[in-house]
Every structure is written in C-alpha cells, then in structure tokens.
Amino acid sequence: MAWDPVAELTDDERRSFGTYGAHWPYWEERLWRNVPGPFYTRENDNCWTGRIEAPDNVLYGGDHFTEYVFRQPRSPAEVRGLARAAAVEVTAGYACDGDVGWTPGLVREWWAARARSEEDLAAASAELAKSRDPQSVDAAAGVRQYRAYLGSGGLAADLRAYVFRLGEGRYPEVGERLPEL
C-alpha cells in the first residue's frame, strides 16, 4: 500500500470525523478494540450503522456493541465507507488522526496483546448467535471476517506495513523490507 488513506479524505469527509478541527481527547478515549492505524473510534452511540457504510472495516463490540475499526481501509472506496460511517454516527465517535498517537512500540504492544481481541471475538460470536435479526446476523459475519483476518496473517502484514509508515512517513513499496512485530 503506497498511498495515504487519510489524504484520500475530502474536506467534507474530514468534517465527519470528531477530531476535525477539535481539541478533544479522542486518542486517550480510543477503544482498545480498534486495530492500529489512522482511523479509530471512541465510545459511541451504536445505531448499528457502521457496518452498513463500511462492512469491511467496522465491527461492533463490548457490552453495548459499540462501533470500532477492525481493519484499516485498503482502498479509496473503503476510505469513503469509513467517512460515511463517521458521518452517520451521531456522537462524532470516529477519528482519523491515529498517526499522531500510534508509535511502532504501541503497535507492537497491541499486537502482543491480540489474544484479548481473540477472546473478545469469541464472546461476541456467542452473544450474536443468540439472535437471528438481520443486524446480528451481519455483525456475526463481521466477527467471522475479523477472525479470519486475524488468523490468516493479513492483519500482521498490515500492521508491519503500518509500523513502516510510522517510521518512514509513508507506506512501503512492493519489495521493501518490513519491520517485525
């Protein structure tokens, strides 16, 4: 990935994120469930809209199934989806300034503690299996998607590329050596 997902945002889309022009403590309030990257959420009023707008990037978790970013966008279309998810989330719970908070060390710490995410996904799967409403069925599909991403090595590869970005100021080109997690 040689492009900057945040640079893909238009000015109107940037205004959808709670961190735009604000001095809120979003970074300190971020949910631990968010995967490292420029996009993340804090506690929000989940109206189950995030997956409607960004099904490949947003999932629900915790006691109130709040929205969080389980995969950073990989294309301009996914950036657009996250911007729409941010726009429809009524408490301005999405942020796009993760690059100022994440460090290579923090990404590695998050990765080292990934068993917490695996346990959380198992609990969410069990809870969602109790319901057959369309939103729960979709959320359960998202849990399976995240579990596959976590177990396939896809997330590890993406995080290695992100650690490269944090160190070099850009995503790696094909063939460049990636740092270890």
N, C-alpha and C. Protein backbone atom coordinates (compact mmCIF):
# COMPACT_ATOMS: atom_id res chain seq x y z
N MET A 1 0.86 -1.17 0.00
CA MET A 1 0.00 0.00 0.00
C MET A 1 0.90 1.23 0.00
N ALA A 2 0.97 1.91 -1.10
CA ALA A 2 1.85 3.07 -1.23
C ALA A 2 1.09 4.38 -1.15
N TRP A 3 -0.13 4.37 -0.73
CA TRP A 3 -0.93 5.59 -0.69
C TRP A 3 -1.28 5.93 0.76
N ASP A 4 -1.72 7.13 0.97
CA ASP A 4 -2.08 7.62 2.30
C ASP A 4 -3.60 7.65 2.41
N PRO A 5 -4.20 6.77 3.22
CA PRO A 5 -5.66 6.74 3.29
C PRO A 5 -6.28 8.04 3.81
N VAL A 6 -5.64 8.72 4.73
CA VAL A 6 -6.19 9.96 5.26
C VAL A 6 -6.18 11.05 4.19
N ALA A 7 -5.17 11.03 3.34
CA ALA A 7 -5.10 12.02 2.26
C ALA A 7 -6.22 11.84 1.25
N GLU A 8 -6.85 10.67 1.24
CA GLU A 8 -7.98 10.40 0.35
C GLU A 8 -9.23 11.18 0.76
N LEU A 9 -9.30 11.59 2.02
CA LEU A 9 -10.50 12.27 2.52
C LEU A 9 -10.64 13.66 1.91
N THR A 10 -11.85 13.98 1.50
CA THR A 10 -12.15 15.34 1.08
C THR A 10 -12.34 16.20 2.33
N ASP A 11 -12.37 17.50 2.17
CA ASP A 11 -12.62 18.37 3.32
C ASP A 11 -13.97 18.06 3.96
N ASP A 12 -14.99 17.82 3.14
CA ASP A 12 -16.31 17.48 3.69
C ASP A 12 -16.26 16.18 4.48
N GLU A 13 -15.54 15.20 3.96
CA GLU A 13 -15.42 13.93 4.67
C GLU A 13 -14.65 14.11 5.98
N ARG A 14 -13.62 14.91 5.97
CA ARG A 14 -12.85 15.15 7.21
C ARG A 14 -13.74 15.73 8.31
N ARG A 15 -14.69 16.54 7.93
CA ARG A 15 -15.60 17.14 8.92
C ARG A 15 -16.49 16.08 9.57
N SER A 16 -16.60 14.91 8.99
CA SER A 16 -17.40 13.83 9.57
C SER A 16 -16.72 13.21 10.78
N PHE A 17 -15.42 13.42 10.90
CA PHE A 17 -14.66 12.82 11.99
C PHE A 17 -14.58 13.79 13.15
N GLY A 18 -14.76 13.28 14.35
CA GLY A 18 -14.79 14.12 15.55
C GLY A 18 -13.52 14.87 15.82
N THR A 19 -12.40 14.43 15.26
CA THR A 19 -11.14 15.10 15.52
C THR A 19 -10.88 16.26 14.59
N TYR A 20 -11.74 16.47 13.61
CA TYR A 20 -11.51 17.54 12.65
C TYR A 20 -11.63 18.90 13.33
N GLY A 21 -10.54 19.63 13.40
CA GLY A 21 -10.54 20.98 13.95
C GLY A 21 -10.86 21.05 15.44
N ALA A 22 -10.83 19.92 16.11
CA ALA A 22 -11.20 19.89 17.53
C ALA A 22 -9.97 19.59 18.39
N HIS A 23 -10.10 19.86 19.65
CA HIS A 23 -9.04 19.53 20.59
C HIS A 23 -9.59 18.59 21.66
N TRP A 24 -10.41 17.67 21.21
CA TRP A 24 -10.98 16.67 22.11
C TRP A 24 -9.93 15.61 22.41
N PRO A 25 -10.04 14.96 23.53
CA PRO A 25 -9.07 13.90 23.87
C PRO A 25 -9.44 12.56 23.22
N TYR A 26 -9.68 12.56 21.92
CA TYR A 26 -10.10 11.34 21.23
C TYR A 26 -9.08 10.22 21.39
N TRP A 27 -7.81 10.55 21.21
CA TRP A 27 -6.80 9.50 21.27
C TRP A 27 -6.83 8.80 22.64
N GLU A 28 -6.92 9.57 23.70
CA GLU A 28 -6.94 8.98 25.03
C GLU A 28 -8.22 8.16 25.27
N GLU A 29 -9.28 8.47 24.54
CA GLU A 29 -10.56 7.79 24.71
C GLU A 29 -10.78 6.65 23.70
N ARG A 30 -9.79 6.38 22.87
CA ARG A 30 -9.98 5.35 21.84
C ARG A 30 -10.29 4.00 22.47
N LEU A 31 -11.09 3.23 21.77
CA LEU A 31 -11.41 1.89 22.22
C LEU A 31 -10.24 0.96 21.93
N TRP A 32 -9.93 0.09 22.86
CA TRP A 32 -8.81 -0.83 22.67
C TRP A 32 -9.07 -1.80 21.51
N ARG A 33 -10.33 -1.98 21.14
CA ARG A 33 -10.67 -2.92 20.08
C ARG A 33 -10.22 -2.45 18.69
N ASN A 34 -10.05 -1.16 18.49
CA ASN A 34 -9.60 -0.65 17.19
C ASN A 34 -8.22 -1.20 16.85
N VAL A 35 -8.06 -1.66 15.60
CA VAL A 35 -6.73 -2.07 15.16
C VAL A 35 -5.90 -0.80 14.94
N PRO A 36 -4.60 -0.87 15.17
CA PRO A 36 -3.76 0.30 14.94
C PRO A 36 -3.87 0.83 13.52
N GLY A 37 -3.88 2.14 13.42
CA GLY A 37 -3.94 2.80 12.12
C GLY A 37 -4.50 4.20 12.28
N PRO A 38 -4.64 4.91 11.18
CA PRO A 38 -5.09 6.29 11.26
C PRO A 38 -6.55 6.45 11.69
N PHE A 39 -7.39 5.45 11.44
CA PHE A 39 -8.82 5.55 11.77
C PHE A 39 -9.12 4.74 13.03
N TYR A 40 -9.94 5.32 13.90
CA TYR A 40 -10.32 4.62 15.13
C TYR A 40 -11.60 5.25 15.67
N THR A 41 -12.14 4.63 16.70
CA THR A 41 -13.33 5.17 17.36
C THR A 41 -13.09 5.26 18.86
N ARG A 42 -13.92 6.07 19.46
CA ARG A 42 -14.04 6.11 20.91
C ARG A 42 -15.43 5.55 21.21
N GLU A 43 -15.84 5.53 22.46
CA GLU A 43 -17.19 5.09 22.80
C GLU A 43 -18.18 5.89 21.96
N ASN A 44 -19.17 5.21 21.41
CA ASN A 44 -20.11 5.90 20.54
C ASN A 44 -21.51 5.30 20.70
N ASP A 45 -22.46 5.98 20.13
CA ASP A 45 -23.86 5.57 20.20
C ASP A 45 -24.14 4.68 19.00
N ASN A 46 -23.95 3.40 19.20
CA ASN A 46 -24.08 2.47 18.09
C ASN A 46 -25.53 2.29 17.69
N CYS A 47 -25.84 2.79 16.55
CA CYS A 47 -27.17 2.57 15.97
C CYS A 47 -27.08 1.47 14.91
N TRP A 48 -26.00 0.69 14.97
CA TRP A 48 -25.75 -0.41 14.02
C TRP A 48 -25.67 0.12 12.59
N THR A 49 -25.07 1.29 12.43
CA THR A 49 -24.95 1.87 11.10
C THR A 49 -23.56 1.70 10.50
N GLY A 50 -22.54 1.47 11.30
CA GLY A 50 -21.17 1.42 10.80
C GLY A 50 -20.94 0.34 9.76
N ARG A 51 -21.50 -0.84 9.97
CA ARG A 51 -21.31 -1.92 9.00
C ARG A 51 -22.14 -1.71 7.74
N ILE A 52 -23.20 -0.93 7.85
CA ILE A 52 -23.96 -0.61 6.64
C ILE A 52 -23.07 0.19 5.69
N GLU A 53 -22.31 1.11 6.24
CA GLU A 53 -21.48 2.01 5.44
C GLU A 53 -20.09 1.44 5.14
N ALA A 54 -19.52 0.68 6.07
CA ALA A 54 -18.14 0.19 5.92
C ALA A 54 -18.05 -1.25 6.42
N PRO A 55 -18.68 -2.19 5.74
CA PRO A 55 -18.72 -3.57 6.23
C PRO A 55 -17.36 -4.26 6.28
N ASP A 56 -16.39 -3.82 5.51
CA ASP A 56 -15.07 -4.43 5.52
C ASP A 56 -14.12 -3.80 6.52
N ASN A 57 -14.63 -2.82 7.28
CA ASN A 57 -13.76 -2.09 8.20
C ASN A 57 -14.33 -1.92 9.61
N VAL A 58 -15.64 -1.99 9.76
CA VAL A 58 -16.27 -1.67 11.05
C VAL A 58 -16.93 -2.92 11.63
N LEU A 59 -16.81 -3.03 12.94
CA LEU A 59 -17.46 -4.12 13.68
C LEU A 59 -18.01 -3.53 14.97
N TYR A 60 -18.79 -4.32 15.68
CA TYR A 60 -19.39 -3.89 16.94
C TYR A 60 -18.86 -4.78 18.05
N GLY A 61 -18.63 -4.18 19.23
CA GLY A 61 -18.13 -4.97 20.34
C GLY A 61 -18.41 -4.34 21.68
N GLY A 62 -18.20 -5.10 22.73
CA GLY A 62 -18.39 -4.63 24.09
C GLY A 62 -19.81 -4.81 24.56
N ASP A 63 -20.08 -4.34 25.76
CA ASP A 63 -21.39 -4.51 26.38
C ASP A 63 -22.51 -3.90 25.55
N HIS A 64 -22.23 -2.79 24.89
CA HIS A 64 -23.27 -2.11 24.11
C HIS A 64 -23.02 -2.24 22.61
N PHE A 65 -22.14 -3.15 22.24
CA PHE A 65 -21.79 -3.35 20.83
C PHE A 65 -21.51 -2.03 20.13
N THR A 66 -20.59 -1.27 20.70
CA THR A 66 -20.18 0.00 20.11
C THR A 66 -19.33 -0.26 18.86
N GLU A 67 -19.30 0.70 17.95
CA GLU A 67 -18.58 0.54 16.69
C GLU A 67 -17.08 0.73 16.90
N TYR A 68 -16.30 -0.06 16.15
CA TYR A 68 -14.85 0.11 16.14
C TYR A 68 -14.30 -0.31 14.79
N VAL A 69 -13.06 0.12 14.50
CA VAL A 69 -12.41 -0.18 13.23
C VAL A 69 -11.59 -1.46 13.42
N PHE A 70 -12.02 -2.53 12.75
CA PHE A 70 -11.29 -3.79 12.86
C PHE A 70 -10.30 -4.00 11.72
N ARG A 71 -10.42 -3.22 10.68
CA ARG A 71 -9.45 -3.27 9.59
C ARG A 71 -9.36 -1.87 8.99
N GLN A 72 -8.14 -1.38 8.86
CA GLN A 72 -7.92 -0.08 8.26
C GLN A 72 -8.24 -0.17 6.76
N PRO A 73 -8.68 0.93 6.17
CA PRO A 73 -9.07 0.88 4.75
C PRO A 73 -7.89 0.55 3.85
N ARG A 74 -8.19 -0.23 2.81
CA ARG A 74 -7.19 -0.64 1.84
C ARG A 74 -7.40 -0.02 0.47
N SER A 75 -8.44 0.77 0.33
CA SER A 75 -8.74 1.37 -0.97
C SER A 75 -9.47 2.68 -0.75
N PRO A 76 -9.49 3.53 -1.77
CA PRO A 76 -10.28 4.77 -1.66
C PRO A 76 -11.75 4.49 -1.36
N ALA A 77 -12.30 3.41 -1.92
CA ALA A 77 -13.71 3.08 -1.65
C ALA A 77 -13.92 2.77 -0.18
N GLU A 78 -12.98 2.09 0.45
CA GLU A 78 -13.11 1.80 1.89
C GLU A 78 -12.94 3.06 2.73
N VAL A 79 -12.09 3.98 2.29
CA VAL A 79 -11.97 5.28 2.99
C VAL A 79 -13.32 6.00 2.92
N ARG A 80 -13.93 6.01 1.74
CA ARG A 80 -15.26 6.64 1.58
C ARG A 80 -16.27 5.99 2.53
N GLY A 81 -16.24 4.66 2.63
CA GLY A 81 -17.16 3.97 3.53
C GLY A 81 -16.95 4.37 4.98
N LEU A 82 -15.70 4.47 5.42
CA LEU A 82 -15.44 4.91 6.80
C LEU A 82 -15.90 6.35 7.01
N ALA A 83 -15.72 7.19 6.02
CA ALA A 83 -16.19 8.58 6.14
C ALA A 83 -17.71 8.60 6.26
N ARG A 84 -18.41 7.75 5.52
CA ARG A 84 -19.87 7.69 5.65
C ARG A 84 -20.27 7.14 7.02
N ALA A 85 -19.54 6.13 7.50
CA ALA A 85 -19.83 5.59 8.84
C ALA A 85 -19.65 6.68 9.90
N ALA A 86 -18.59 7.48 9.75
CA ALA A 86 -18.36 8.59 10.68
C ALA A 86 -19.48 9.62 10.59
N ALA A 87 -19.95 9.89 9.38
CA ALA A 87 -20.98 10.91 9.18
C ALA A 87 -22.31 10.52 9.81
N VAL A 88 -22.65 9.24 9.81
CA VAL A 88 -23.95 8.82 10.34
C VAL A 88 -23.90 8.45 11.82
N GLU A 89 -22.71 8.39 12.41
CA GLU A 89 -22.58 8.07 13.83
C GLU A 89 -22.87 9.35 14.62
N VAL A 90 -23.92 9.37 15.40
CA VAL A 90 -24.47 10.61 15.96
C VAL A 90 -23.63 11.26 17.07
N THR A 91 -22.69 10.56 17.67
CA THR A 91 -21.91 11.16 18.75
C THR A 91 -20.51 11.59 18.32
N ALA A 92 -20.27 11.65 17.02
CA ALA A 92 -18.95 12.03 16.49
C ALA A 92 -17.86 11.17 17.11
N GLY A 93 -18.09 9.87 17.14
CA GLY A 93 -17.17 8.94 17.79
C GLY A 93 -16.04 8.43 16.93
N TYR A 94 -15.96 8.83 15.68
CA TYR A 94 -14.88 8.38 14.79
C TYR A 94 -13.78 9.43 14.73
N ALA A 95 -12.54 8.96 14.55
CA ALA A 95 -11.40 9.86 14.42
C ALA A 95 -10.51 9.38 13.29
N CYS A 96 -9.74 10.31 12.73
CA CYS A 96 -8.82 9.97 11.62
C CYS A 96 -7.41 10.49 11.87
N ASP A 97 -7.06 10.65 13.14
CA ASP A 97 -5.73 11.19 13.48
C ASP A 97 -4.87 10.19 14.25
N GLY A 98 -5.10 8.90 14.02
CA GLY A 98 -4.35 7.88 14.74
C GLY A 98 -2.85 7.94 14.52
N ASP A 99 -2.43 8.49 13.38
CA ASP A 99 -1.00 8.57 13.11
C ASP A 99 -0.25 9.43 14.12
N VAL A 100 -0.94 10.36 14.77
CA VAL A 100 -0.27 11.19 15.77
C VAL A 100 -0.17 10.50 17.12
N GLY A 101 -0.93 9.43 17.32
CA GLY A 101 -0.90 8.73 18.59
C GLY A 101 -0.13 7.42 18.57
N TRP A 102 -0.28 6.67 17.49
CA TRP A 102 0.40 5.37 17.41
C TRP A 102 1.89 5.56 17.22
N THR A 103 2.65 4.71 17.86
CA THR A 103 4.09 4.61 17.67
C THR A 103 4.39 3.16 17.32
N PRO A 104 5.56 2.89 16.75
CA PRO A 104 5.89 1.49 16.50
C PRO A 104 5.79 0.63 17.77
N GLY A 105 6.23 1.16 18.89
CA GLY A 105 6.16 0.42 20.15
C GLY A 105 4.73 0.12 20.57
N LEU A 106 3.84 1.10 20.42
CA LEU A 106 2.43 0.87 20.78
C LEU A 106 1.76 -0.13 19.85
N VAL A 107 2.11 -0.09 18.57
CA VAL A 107 1.56 -1.09 17.64
C VAL A 107 2.02 -2.48 18.05
N ARG A 108 3.28 -2.61 18.38
CA ARG A 108 3.81 -3.92 18.82
C ARG A 108 3.15 -4.37 20.12
N GLU A 109 2.89 -3.46 21.04
CA GLU A 109 2.19 -3.82 22.28
C GLU A 109 0.78 -4.30 21.98
N TRP A 110 0.07 -3.60 21.09
CA TRP A 110 -1.28 -4.01 20.72
C TRP A 110 -1.23 -5.41 20.13
N TRP A 111 -0.29 -5.67 19.23
CA TRP A 111 -0.17 -6.98 18.59
C TRP A 111 0.15 -8.06 19.63
N ALA A 112 1.03 -7.77 20.56
CA ALA A 112 1.40 -8.75 21.58
C ALA A 112 0.20 -9.13 22.45
N ALA A 113 -0.76 -8.22 22.57
CA ALA A 113 -1.96 -8.46 23.40
C ALA A 113 -3.15 -8.90 22.56
N ARG A 114 -2.92 -9.38 21.33
CA ARG A 114 -4.03 -9.72 20.43
C ARG A 114 -4.91 -10.85 20.95
N ALA A 115 -4.42 -11.64 21.90
CA ALA A 115 -5.27 -12.69 22.49
C ALA A 115 -6.52 -12.06 23.10
N ARG A 116 -6.41 -10.85 23.59
CA ARG A 116 -7.57 -10.13 24.14
C ARG A 116 -8.62 -9.95 23.04
N SER A 117 -8.18 -9.60 21.84
CA SER A 117 -9.12 -9.44 20.72
C SER A 117 -9.74 -10.78 20.36
N GLU A 118 -8.96 -11.83 20.34
CA GLU A 118 -9.48 -13.16 20.02
C GLU A 118 -10.55 -13.58 21.04
N GLU A 119 -10.29 -13.34 22.31
CA GLU A 119 -11.28 -13.66 23.36
C GLU A 119 -12.53 -12.82 23.20
N ASP A 120 -12.35 -11.55 22.88
CA ASP A 120 -13.48 -10.65 22.69
C ASP A 120 -14.34 -11.10 21.50
N LEU A 121 -13.69 -11.53 20.43
CA LEU A 121 -14.43 -12.01 19.26
C LEU A 121 -15.20 -13.29 19.58
N ALA A 122 -14.62 -14.16 20.37
CA ALA A 122 -15.32 -15.39 20.76
C ALA A 122 -16.56 -15.04 21.58
N ALA A 123 -16.44 -14.10 22.49
CA ALA A 123 -17.59 -13.68 23.31
C ALA A 123 -18.66 -13.02 22.43
N ALA A 124 -18.24 -12.17 21.51
CA ALA A 124 -19.20 -11.51 20.61
C ALA A 124 -19.91 -12.53 19.74
N SER A 125 -19.18 -13.50 19.26
CA SER A 125 -19.78 -14.54 18.43
C SER A 125 -20.85 -15.30 19.20
N ALA A 126 -20.55 -15.65 20.44
CA ALA A 126 -21.53 -16.36 21.27
C ALA A 126 -22.77 -15.51 21.53
N GLU A 127 -22.57 -14.24 21.80
CA GLU A 127 -23.70 -13.34 22.06
C GLU A 127 -24.54 -13.14 20.80
N LEU A 128 -23.89 -12.93 19.69
CA LEU A 128 -24.63 -12.68 18.44
C LEU A 128 -25.37 -13.92 17.96
N ALA A 129 -24.87 -15.08 18.30
CA ALA A 129 -25.52 -16.33 17.88
C ALA A 129 -26.89 -16.51 18.53
N LYS A 130 -27.16 -15.75 19.58
CA LYS A 130 -28.46 -15.85 20.28
C LYS A 130 -29.58 -15.17 19.50
N SER A 131 -29.25 -14.37 18.52
CA SER A 131 -30.25 -13.59 17.80
C SER A 131 -30.22 -13.91 16.32
N ARG A 132 -31.36 -13.83 15.69
CA ARG A 132 -31.47 -14.06 14.25
C ARG A 132 -31.90 -12.81 13.50
N ASP A 133 -31.91 -11.66 14.17
CA ASP A 133 -32.28 -10.44 13.46
C ASP A 133 -31.19 -10.11 12.45
N PRO A 134 -31.52 -9.45 11.37
CA PRO A 134 -30.56 -9.19 10.29
C PRO A 134 -29.29 -8.47 10.74
N GLN A 135 -29.41 -7.54 11.67
CA GLN A 135 -28.22 -6.81 12.13
C GLN A 135 -27.26 -7.73 12.88
N SER A 136 -27.80 -8.61 13.71
CA SER A 136 -26.95 -9.55 14.45
C SER A 136 -26.30 -10.55 13.51
N VAL A 137 -27.06 -11.00 12.52
CA VAL A 137 -26.50 -11.94 11.54
C VAL A 137 -25.35 -11.27 10.79
N ASP A 138 -25.53 -10.00 10.40
CA ASP A 138 -24.47 -9.27 9.71
C ASP A 138 -23.27 -9.06 10.64
N ALA A 139 -23.52 -8.70 11.89
CA ALA A 139 -22.43 -8.50 12.84
C ALA A 139 -21.67 -9.80 13.07
N ALA A 140 -22.38 -10.92 13.13
CA ALA A 140 -21.72 -12.22 13.28
C ALA A 140 -20.83 -12.52 12.06
N ALA A 141 -21.30 -12.14 10.88
CA ALA A 141 -20.47 -12.31 9.68
C ALA A 141 -19.22 -11.45 9.79
N GLY A 142 -19.34 -10.24 10.34
CA GLY A 142 -18.18 -9.38 10.56
C GLY A 142 -17.21 -9.98 11.54
N VAL A 143 -17.72 -10.62 12.59
CA VAL A 143 -16.85 -11.29 13.56
C VAL A 143 -16.05 -12.40 12.86
N ARG A 144 -16.71 -13.17 12.03
CA ARG A 144 -16.01 -14.23 11.29
C ARG A 144 -14.95 -13.62 10.36
N GLN A 145 -15.30 -12.52 9.73
CA GLN A 145 -14.36 -11.83 8.84
C GLN A 145 -13.12 -11.37 9.61
N TYR A 146 -13.34 -10.77 10.77
CA TYR A 146 -12.22 -10.29 11.59
C TYR A 146 -11.37 -11.47 12.07
N ARG A 147 -12.01 -12.53 12.52
CA ARG A 147 -11.26 -13.71 12.98
C ARG A 147 -10.38 -14.26 11.86
N ALA A 148 -10.92 -14.32 10.65
CA ALA A 148 -10.14 -14.81 9.52
C ALA A 148 -8.96 -13.88 9.23
N TYR A 149 -9.20 -12.59 9.29
CA TYR A 149 -8.16 -11.58 9.06
C TYR A 149 -7.06 -11.70 10.11
N LEU A 150 -7.45 -11.90 11.33
CA LEU A 150 -6.51 -12.03 12.44
C LEU A 150 -5.70 -13.32 12.32
N GLY A 151 -6.36 -14.41 11.93
CA GLY A 151 -5.70 -15.71 11.89
C GLY A 151 -4.93 -16.00 10.62
N SER A 152 -5.20 -15.29 9.54
CA SER A 152 -4.58 -15.58 8.25
C SER A 152 -3.21 -14.94 8.05
N GLY A 153 -2.84 -14.06 8.93
CA GLY A 153 -1.61 -13.31 8.73
C GLY A 153 -1.84 -11.97 8.05
N GLY A 154 -3.08 -11.73 7.60
CA GLY A 154 -3.37 -10.47 6.92
C GLY A 154 -3.21 -9.26 7.83
N LEU A 155 -3.70 -9.37 9.06
CA LEU A 155 -3.56 -8.25 9.99
C LEU A 155 -2.09 -8.04 10.34
N ALA A 156 -1.35 -9.11 10.57
CA ALA A 156 0.08 -8.98 10.89
C ALA A 156 0.81 -8.25 9.76
N ALA A 157 0.52 -8.61 8.53
CA ALA A 157 1.17 -7.95 7.39
C ALA A 157 0.79 -6.47 7.33
N ASP A 158 -0.48 -6.18 7.55
CA ASP A 158 -0.92 -4.78 7.53
C ASP A 158 -0.27 -3.97 8.65
N LEU A 159 -0.14 -4.58 9.82
CA LEU A 159 0.49 -3.87 10.94
C LEU A 159 1.98 -3.65 10.69
N ARG A 160 2.64 -4.60 10.07
CA ARG A 160 4.05 -4.41 9.73
C ARG A 160 4.19 -3.24 8.75
N ALA A 161 3.29 -3.15 7.79
CA ALA A 161 3.32 -2.02 6.85
C ALA A 161 3.04 -0.71 7.58
N TYR A 162 2.14 -0.75 8.57
CA TYR A 162 1.84 0.47 9.32
C TYR A 162 3.03 0.89 10.19
N VAL A 163 3.72 -0.05 10.80
CA VAL A 163 4.92 0.28 11.57
C VAL A 163 5.95 0.92 10.63
N PHE A 164 6.08 0.41 9.42
CA PHE A 164 6.96 1.02 8.42
C PHE A 164 6.54 2.46 8.17
N ARG A 165 5.24 2.66 7.97
CA ARG A 165 4.72 4.02 7.72
C ARG A 165 5.06 4.97 8.86
N LEU A 166 4.88 4.48 10.10
CA LEU A 166 5.16 5.34 11.25
C LEU A 166 6.63 5.72 11.31
N GLY A 167 7.50 4.80 10.91
CA GLY A 167 8.94 5.08 10.94
C GLY A 167 9.44 5.87 9.75
N GLU A 168 8.85 5.61 8.58
CA GLU A 168 9.35 6.21 7.34
C GLU A 168 8.49 7.36 6.82
N GLY A 169 7.29 7.52 7.36
CA GLY A 169 6.40 8.58 6.90
C GLY A 169 5.63 8.24 5.65
N ARG A 170 5.66 7.00 5.25
CA ARG A 170 4.96 6.53 4.05
C ARG A 170 4.78 5.02 4.16
N TYR A 171 3.83 4.51 3.40
CA TYR A 171 3.68 3.06 3.34
C TYR A 171 4.76 2.49 2.44
N PRO A 172 5.14 1.23 2.66
CA PRO A 172 6.20 0.64 1.86
C PRO A 172 5.78 0.36 0.42
N GLU A 173 6.75 0.40 -0.45
CA GLU A 173 6.56 -0.03 -1.83
C GLU A 173 6.73 -1.55 -1.86
N VAL A 174 6.21 -2.16 -2.90
CA VAL A 174 6.35 -3.61 -3.06
C VAL A 174 7.84 -3.97 -3.02
N GLY A 175 8.17 -4.99 -2.23
CA GLY A 175 9.54 -5.48 -2.15
C GLY A 175 10.37 -4.87 -1.04
N GLU A 176 9.89 -3.79 -0.44
CA GLU A 176 10.67 -3.20 0.66
C GLU A 176 10.53 -4.07 1.91
N ARG A 177 11.60 -4.14 2.65
CA ARG A 177 11.64 -4.95 3.87
C ARG A 177 10.76 -4.31 4.94
N LEU A 178 9.93 -5.13 5.56
CA LEU A 178 9.03 -4.64 6.62
C LEU A 178 9.59 -4.95 8.00
N PRO A 179 9.35 -4.08 8.96
CA PRO A 179 9.82 -4.35 10.33
C PRO A 179 9.03 -5.50 10.96
N GLU A 180 9.63 -6.10 11.94
CA GLU A 180 8.96 -7.18 12.68
C GLU A 180 8.00 -6.59 13.71
N LEU A 181 7.03 -7.41 14.09
CA LEU A 181 6.12 -7.02 15.16
C LEU A 181 6.66 -7.56 16.47
